[in-house]
Amino acid sequence: MLPPQTGSKISKFLSIPIKPSKIPTKHPKSCGRVLTSKENLEIIEEKQRLKQEAQQMKEERRRARERKKIEREKASQGREKPPHPKAAPACGEAGK
């Protein structure tokens, strides 16, 4: 024997409001709504600005590393390293 058929399943389904997708979108600031072209352009410009700032920071760090490297090389050229105390004596000094 089959259970009695009820129409509540269909009416319940039809009464549920449609919600925005839970899947993340390309533009998380949209929160499920459709963005206008102006908003899209603002988001794109903001991303480009952030990329440029990051690139500039990388360039500044690289230049600072290069400057430090050059300064170290100049400082090391100006002074002679003293011979190591345990170094082998020169050939002329060995007979003394």
Protein backbone atom coordinates (compact mmCIF):
# COMPACT_ATOMS: atom_id res chain seq x y z
CA MET A 1 0.00 0.00 0.00
CA LEU A 2 1.32 3.46 -0.95
CA PRO A 3 1.32 6.39 1.45
CA PRO A 4 -1.18 9.11 0.63
CA GLN A 5 0.12 11.79 -1.75
CA THR A 6 0.26 15.30 -0.38
CA GLY A 7 0.74 18.53 -2.22
CA SER A 8 2.79 20.05 0.56
CA LYS A 9 6.08 19.06 -1.04
CA ILE A 10 5.51 21.16 -4.14
CA SER A 11 4.03 24.12 -2.28
CA LYS A 12 6.90 24.03 0.20
CA PHE A 13 9.40 24.00 -2.65
CA LEU A 14 7.73 26.93 -4.39
CA SER A 15 7.58 29.03 -1.22
CA ILE A 16 11.34 28.85 -0.59
CA PRO A 17 12.93 32.11 -1.79
CA ILE A 18 15.84 31.88 -4.19
CA LYS A 19 19.09 32.87 -2.48
CA PRO A 20 22.38 33.98 -4.04
CA SER A 21 24.88 31.27 -4.71
CA LYS A 22 27.21 30.25 -1.90
CA ILE A 23 29.99 29.67 -4.45
CA PRO A 24 32.67 32.37 -4.19
CA THR A 25 32.77 34.76 -7.11
CA LYS A 26 35.57 36.62 -8.85
CA HIS A 27 34.53 39.78 -7.04
CA PRO A 28 33.91 38.96 -3.37
CA LYS A 29 32.81 42.56 -2.72
CA SER A 30 29.70 41.94 -4.80
CA CYS A 31 28.11 39.75 -2.05
CA GLY A 32 25.97 37.92 -4.59
CA ARG A 33 24.61 40.99 -6.38
CA VAL A 34 25.38 42.09 -9.92
CA LEU A 35 28.03 44.79 -10.08
CA THR A 36 27.66 47.82 -12.30
CA SER A 37 30.34 48.59 -14.84
CA LYS A 38 31.52 51.52 -12.69
CA GLU A 39 31.95 49.22 -9.67
CA ASN A 40 33.76 46.67 -11.82
CA LEU A 41 36.14 49.36 -13.07
CA GLU A 42 36.77 50.58 -9.52
CA ILE A 43 37.62 47.04 -8.39
CA ILE A 44 39.92 46.51 -11.38
CA GLU A 45 41.66 49.85 -10.78
CA GLU A 46 42.11 49.03 -7.09
CA LYS A 47 43.67 45.66 -7.95
CA GLN A 48 46.02 47.30 -10.46
CA ARG A 49 47.01 49.95 -7.91
CA LEU A 50 47.76 47.29 -5.29
CA LYS A 51 49.86 45.34 -7.81
CA GLN A 52 51.83 48.46 -8.71
CA GLU A 53 52.43 49.27 -5.04
CA ALA A 54 53.66 45.73 -4.41
CA GLN A 55 55.96 45.96 -7.44
CA GLN A 56 57.37 49.28 -6.20
CA MET A 57 58.03 47.81 -2.76
CA LYS A 58 59.89 44.89 -4.36
CA GLU A 59 61.97 47.31 -6.44
CA GLU A 60 62.83 49.41 -3.37
CA ARG A 61 63.92 46.31 -1.44
CA ARG A 62 66.03 45.13 -4.37
CA ARG A 63 67.72 48.54 -4.69
CA ALA A 64 68.41 48.61 -0.93
CA ARG A 65 70.01 45.14 -1.13
CA GLU A 66 72.16 46.27 -4.06
CA ARG A 67 73.27 49.42 -2.19
CA LYS A 68 74.19 47.41 0.91
CA LYS A 69 76.12 44.93 -1.21
CA ILE A 70 78.08 47.72 -2.93
CA GLU A 71 78.80 49.42 0.41
CA ARG A 72 80.11 46.15 1.87
CA GLU A 73 82.34 45.60 -1.16
CA LYS A 74 83.75 49.14 -0.90
CA ALA A 75 84.38 48.72 2.82
CA SER A 76 86.13 45.39 2.33
CA GLN A 77 88.36 46.81 -0.45
CA GLY A 78 89.58 49.62 1.77
CA ARG A 79 91.01 47.36 4.46
CA GLU A 80 93.39 44.46 4.19
CA LYS A 81 92.60 41.31 6.08
CA PRO A 82 95.32 40.40 8.57
CA PRO A 83 96.91 36.99 7.95
CA HIS A 84 95.44 34.17 9.94
CA PRO A 85 97.67 33.30 12.96
CA LYS A 86 97.66 29.59 12.11
CA ALA A 87 98.47 30.17 8.46
CA ALA A 88 101.59 28.48 7.11
CA PRO A 89 104.63 30.78 7.06
CA ALA A 90 105.87 32.09 3.74
CA CYS A 91 108.67 30.15 1.99
CA GLY A 92 111.37 32.68 2.93
CA GLU A 93 110.42 32.66 6.61
CA ALA A 94 110.45 28.87 7.00
CA GLY A 95 114.26 28.65 7.33
CA LYS A 96 114.60 31.19 10.13
